[in-house]
Amino acid sequence: MKTIIATIGIATISLLAAATIPASAANMCVRSRDILSTDSKDGKLLTFKMRDGRVLVNHLQGVCSDLRFEGFTWVLRGGDEDICENQQSLRVLRSGQTCLLGKFDVIKAKPATNMPVAR
């Protein structure tokens, strides 16, 4: 009986904890076809220039030293073309080094479109 009560208590706490996580906690993703270019000067940050004018920087999980000198390919699974923070890996072409994306930060927001003024 004590085991059942303890199990129910743990399950309840887990559900309450999950319910308190804000919707903004979802990982940010970008579509691979929307990436215009990428660049890394230090192997720690990967800068993305997007087709819509945004500039994003990703804080890589660990140092990806070979990324500074070589190109890379995304390791995409199941035909999905989403590149998601904290989930996506890339492979450096010559060395084969595998690197993991961390958190995205928006450096430059999408430019506002000029809406025609109704007269």
Protein backbone atom coordinates (compact mmCIF):
# COMPACT_ATOMS: atom_id res chain seq x y z
CA MET A 1 0.00 0.00 0.00
CA LYS A 2 2.84 2.40 0.86
CA THR A 3 4.44 1.61 -2.51
CA ILE A 4 1.25 2.52 -4.38
CA ILE A 5 0.86 5.79 -2.47
CA ALA A 6 4.54 6.68 -3.09
CA THR A 7 4.19 5.88 -6.79
CA ILE A 8 1.06 8.03 -7.08
CA GLY A 9 2.81 10.85 -5.21
CA ILE A 10 5.83 10.75 -7.53
CA ALA A 11 3.61 10.63 -10.63
CA THR A 12 1.60 13.61 -9.35
CA ILE A 13 4.75 15.65 -8.68
CA SER A 14 6.07 14.79 -12.16
CA LEU A 15 2.83 15.89 -13.81
CA LEU A 16 2.75 19.14 -11.83
CA ALA A 17 6.35 19.88 -12.75
CA ALA A 18 5.63 19.25 -16.44
CA ALA A 19 2.55 21.48 -16.30
CA THR A 20 4.57 24.41 -14.93
CA ILE A 21 7.05 24.42 -17.82
CA PRO A 22 6.19 27.43 -20.02
CA ALA A 23 5.37 26.95 -23.68
CA SER A 24 8.43 29.07 -24.53
CA ALA A 25 10.62 26.23 -23.23
CA ALA A 26 10.15 24.45 -26.58
CA ASN A 27 13.31 24.26 -28.65
CA MET A 28 13.68 26.87 -31.37
CA CYS A 29 13.94 25.36 -34.86
CA VAL A 30 14.76 26.71 -38.32
CA ARG A 31 14.27 25.01 -41.67
CA SER A 32 17.51 24.03 -43.40
CA ARG A 33 16.30 25.56 -46.69
CA ASP A 34 15.83 28.93 -44.96
CA ILE A 35 19.53 29.15 -44.00
CA LEU A 36 21.43 31.46 -46.36
CA SER A 37 24.88 30.92 -44.80
CA THR A 38 26.66 29.81 -41.64
CA ASP A 39 30.00 30.82 -40.12
CA SER A 40 32.05 30.00 -37.02
CA LYS A 41 35.10 32.05 -36.09
CA ASP A 42 35.93 30.24 -32.83
CA GLY A 43 34.28 26.80 -32.93
CA LYS A 44 32.06 27.82 -30.00
CA LEU A 45 29.46 29.97 -31.78
CA LEU A 46 27.81 29.22 -35.11
CA THR A 47 26.23 32.25 -36.83
CA PHE A 48 23.26 31.69 -39.15
CA LYS A 49 22.21 34.25 -41.78
CA MET A 50 18.63 33.51 -42.73
CA ARG A 51 16.84 34.20 -46.02
CA ASP A 52 14.28 36.40 -44.22
CA GLY A 53 17.03 38.76 -42.96
CA ARG A 54 17.37 37.38 -39.44
CA VAL A 55 20.76 36.62 -37.96
CA LEU A 56 20.90 33.88 -35.32
CA VAL A 57 23.80 32.64 -33.26
CA ASN A 58 23.97 29.17 -31.77
CA HIS A 59 26.02 28.44 -28.67
CA LEU A 60 27.46 25.03 -29.55
CA GLN A 61 27.56 22.36 -26.84
CA GLY A 62 31.30 22.20 -26.35
CA VAL A 63 34.04 23.34 -28.70
CA CYS A 64 33.88 22.26 -32.32
CA SER A 65 37.44 23.27 -33.24
CA ASP A 66 37.48 21.85 -36.78
CA LEU A 67 34.39 23.86 -37.71
CA ARG A 68 36.54 27.01 -38.00
CA PHE A 69 38.49 25.56 -40.91
CA GLU A 70 36.20 23.13 -42.70
CA GLY A 71 32.66 22.90 -44.01
CA PHE A 72 30.05 20.64 -42.47
CA THR A 73 26.93 18.67 -43.22
CA TRP A 74 23.80 18.42 -41.10
CA VAL A 75 22.93 15.03 -39.65
CA LEU A 76 19.20 15.02 -40.51
CA ARG A 77 16.98 12.11 -39.56
CA GLY A 78 13.86 10.81 -41.24
CA GLY A 79 13.67 13.45 -43.98
CA ASP A 80 13.03 16.20 -41.42
CA GLU A 81 14.64 19.46 -42.49
CA ASP A 82 14.23 21.25 -39.17
CA ILE A 83 17.43 22.34 -37.43
CA CYS A 84 16.54 22.52 -33.72
CA GLU A 85 18.53 23.88 -30.80
CA ASN A 86 19.76 21.32 -28.27
CA GLN A 87 18.83 18.46 -30.63
CA GLN A 88 20.67 18.81 -33.93
CA SER A 89 24.14 17.55 -34.74
CA LEU A 90 26.48 18.37 -37.59
CA ARG A 91 29.51 16.58 -38.96
CA VAL A 92 32.67 18.42 -40.07
CA LEU A 93 33.58 17.25 -43.57
CA ARG A 94 37.29 16.39 -43.45
CA SER A 95 37.78 15.43 -39.82
CA GLY A 96 34.41 13.80 -39.20
CA GLN A 97 34.12 15.68 -35.90
CA THR A 98 30.52 15.63 -34.65
CA CYS A 99 29.21 18.77 -32.97
CA LEU A 100 25.92 19.47 -31.21
CA LEU A 101 23.88 22.64 -31.37
CA GLY A 102 23.07 24.44 -28.15
CA LYS A 103 20.77 27.40 -27.62
CA PHE A 104 19.87 29.89 -30.37
CA ASP A 105 19.94 33.64 -29.77
CA VAL A 106 18.42 36.14 -32.20
CA ILE A 107 21.09 38.73 -33.04
CA LYS A 108 19.11 40.53 -35.74
CA ALA A 109 15.34 40.22 -35.96
CA LYS A 110 13.41 39.79 -39.18
CA PRO A 111 13.14 43.20 -40.88
CA ALA A 112 9.70 44.76 -40.72
CA THR A 113 7.91 44.84 -44.02
CA ASN A 114 6.69 48.22 -45.16
CA MET A 115 2.93 48.05 -45.20
CA PRO A 116 1.21 50.42 -47.61
CA VAL A 117 -0.71 53.11 -45.82
CA ALA A 118 -4.42 53.20 -46.67
CA ARG A 119 -5.56 56.67 -47.76
